[in-house]
Amino acid sequence: MCIRDRFRLVFSGDEGFALNEGTWRLVTADGRRAGDVFLVPAGSNAAGAPLYRADFCLLASLAPANPPR
């Protein structure tokens, strides 16, 4: 459950080239790694280019501050 902020990024791809659902590495224009993102196909835009969705959830905490012993 997401207890903080949720947001979604939508990426557009090139026509005629499709990505499968899965984890993809993002790189900068000069080839440096920017991070990995899980993309899900999300249809196409008006021009027919494929769209991909990445959903994010910023959790307040993954574990209690004082876990029980």
C-alpha atoms as a PDB file:
ATOM      1  CA  MET A   1       0.000   0.000   0.000  1.00  0.00           C
ATOM      2  CA  CYS A   2       1.298   3.420  -0.881  1.00  0.00           C
ATOM      3  CA  ILE A   3       1.098   5.739   2.093  1.00  0.00           C
ATOM      4  CA  ARG A   4       2.852   8.781   0.638  1.00  0.00           C
ATOM      5  CA  ASP A   5       2.977  10.245  -2.811  1.00  0.00           C
ATOM      6  CA  ARG A   6       2.117   8.367  -5.975  1.00  0.00           C
ATOM      7  CA  PHE A   7       2.941   9.515  -9.456  1.00  0.00           C
ATOM      8  CA  ARG A   8       3.087   8.176 -12.996  1.00  0.00           C
ATOM      9  CA  LEU A   9       5.409   8.965 -15.882  1.00  0.00           C
ATOM     10  CA  VAL A  10       4.383   8.294 -19.463  1.00  0.00           C
ATOM     11  CA  PHE A  11       7.043   7.760 -22.113  1.00  0.00           C
ATOM     12  CA  SER A  12       6.516   7.763 -25.849  1.00  0.00           C
ATOM     13  CA  GLY A  13       8.480   5.504 -28.175  1.00  0.00           C
ATOM     14  CA  ASP A  14       9.252   5.430 -31.875  1.00  0.00           C
ATOM     15  CA  GLU A  15       6.612   4.181 -34.307  1.00  0.00           C
ATOM     16  CA  GLY A  16       7.255   0.638 -35.486  1.00  0.00           C
ATOM     17  CA  PHE A  17       9.365  -0.239 -32.433  1.00  0.00           C
ATOM     18  CA  ALA A  18       7.767  -1.789 -29.345  1.00  0.00           C
ATOM     19  CA  LEU A  19       9.120  -2.666 -25.905  1.00  0.00           C
ATOM     20  CA  ASN A  20       7.858  -5.557 -23.818  1.00  0.00           C
ATOM     21  CA  GLU A  21       6.653  -5.051 -20.264  1.00  0.00           C
ATOM     22  CA  GLY A  22       9.608  -5.238 -17.928  1.00  0.00           C
ATOM     23  CA  THR A  23      12.559  -3.486 -16.349  1.00  0.00           C
ATOM     24  CA  TRP A  24      14.514  -1.257 -18.703  1.00  0.00           C
ATOM     25  CA  ARG A  25      17.713   0.698 -18.129  1.00  0.00           C
ATOM     26  CA  LEU A  26      17.514   4.434 -18.749  1.00  0.00           C
ATOM     27  CA  VAL A  27      20.656   6.142 -19.990  1.00  0.00           C
ATOM     28  CA  THR A  28      21.548   9.763 -20.635  1.00  0.00           C
ATOM     29  CA  ALA A  29      22.340  11.099 -24.111  1.00  0.00           C
ATOM     30  CA  ASP A  30      26.060  10.573 -23.448  1.00  0.00           C
ATOM     31  CA  GLY A  31      25.508   6.940 -22.431  1.00  0.00           C
ATOM     32  CA  ARG A  32      25.702   7.211 -18.656  1.00  0.00           C
ATOM     33  CA  ARG A  33      23.291   5.074 -16.657  1.00  0.00           C
ATOM     34  CA  ALA A  34      20.442   7.088 -15.156  1.00  0.00           C
ATOM     35  CA  GLY A  35      18.577   4.201 -13.489  1.00  0.00           C
ATOM     36  CA  ASP A  36      16.230   1.313 -14.093  1.00  0.00           C
ATOM     37  CA  VAL A  37      12.482   1.629 -14.527  1.00  0.00           C
ATOM     38  CA  PHE A  38       9.653  -0.899 -14.905  1.00  0.00           C
ATOM     39  CA  LEU A  39       7.629  -0.001 -18.014  1.00  0.00           C
ATOM     40  CA  VAL A  40       4.165  -1.201 -18.981  1.00  0.00           C
ATOM     41  CA  PRO A  41       2.763  -0.726 -22.503  1.00  0.00           C
ATOM     42  CA  ALA A  42      -0.037   1.872 -22.313  1.00  0.00           C
ATOM     43  CA  GLY A  43      -1.475   2.138 -25.828  1.00  0.00           C
ATOM     44  CA  SER A  44      -0.425   4.693 -28.415  1.00  0.00           C
ATOM     45  CA  ASN A  45      -0.668   8.424 -28.972  1.00  0.00           C
ATOM     46  CA  ALA A  46      -2.590  10.202 -31.758  1.00  0.00           C
ATOM     47  CA  ALA A  47       0.372   9.821 -34.125  1.00  0.00           C
ATOM     48  CA  GLY A  48       0.477   6.060 -33.527  1.00  0.00           C
ATOM     49  CA  ALA A  49       3.660   6.032 -31.455  1.00  0.00           C
ATOM     50  CA  PRO A  50       3.619   3.536 -28.557  1.00  0.00           C
ATOM     51  CA  LEU A  51       3.195   4.813 -25.011  1.00  0.00           C
ATOM     52  CA  TYR A  52       4.695   3.270 -21.883  1.00  0.00           C
ATOM     53  CA  ARG A  53       3.721   3.895 -18.256  1.00  0.00           C
ATOM     54  CA  ALA A  54       5.941   3.819 -15.168  1.00  0.00           C
ATOM     55  CA  ASP A  55       4.171   4.034 -11.797  1.00  0.00           C
ATOM     56  CA  PHE A  56       6.004   5.188  -8.680  1.00  0.00           C
ATOM     57  CA  CYS A  57       5.148   5.250  -4.990  1.00  0.00           C
ATOM     58  CA  LEU A  58       7.258   7.086  -2.428  1.00  0.00           C
ATOM     59  CA  LEU A  59       6.773   5.155   0.793  1.00  0.00           C
ATOM     60  CA  ALA A  60       7.062   6.842   4.149  1.00  0.00           C
ATOM     61  CA  SER A  61       8.805   3.784   5.564  1.00  0.00           C
ATOM     62  CA  LEU A  62       9.298   0.173   4.575  1.00  0.00           C
ATOM     63  CA  ALA A  63       9.758  -1.008   8.145  1.00  0.00           C
ATOM     64  CA  PRO A  64       8.679   0.201  11.578  1.00  0.00           C
ATOM     65  CA  ALA A  65      11.123   2.590  13.276  1.00  0.00           C
ATOM     66  CA  ASN A  66      11.457   0.199  16.226  1.00  0.00           C
ATOM     67  CA  PRO A  67      10.856  -3.363  15.003  1.00  0.00           C
ATOM     68  CA  PRO A  68       9.516  -5.785  17.641  1.00  0.00           C
ATOM     69  CA  ARG A  69      12.004  -8.233  19.147  1.00  0.00           C
END
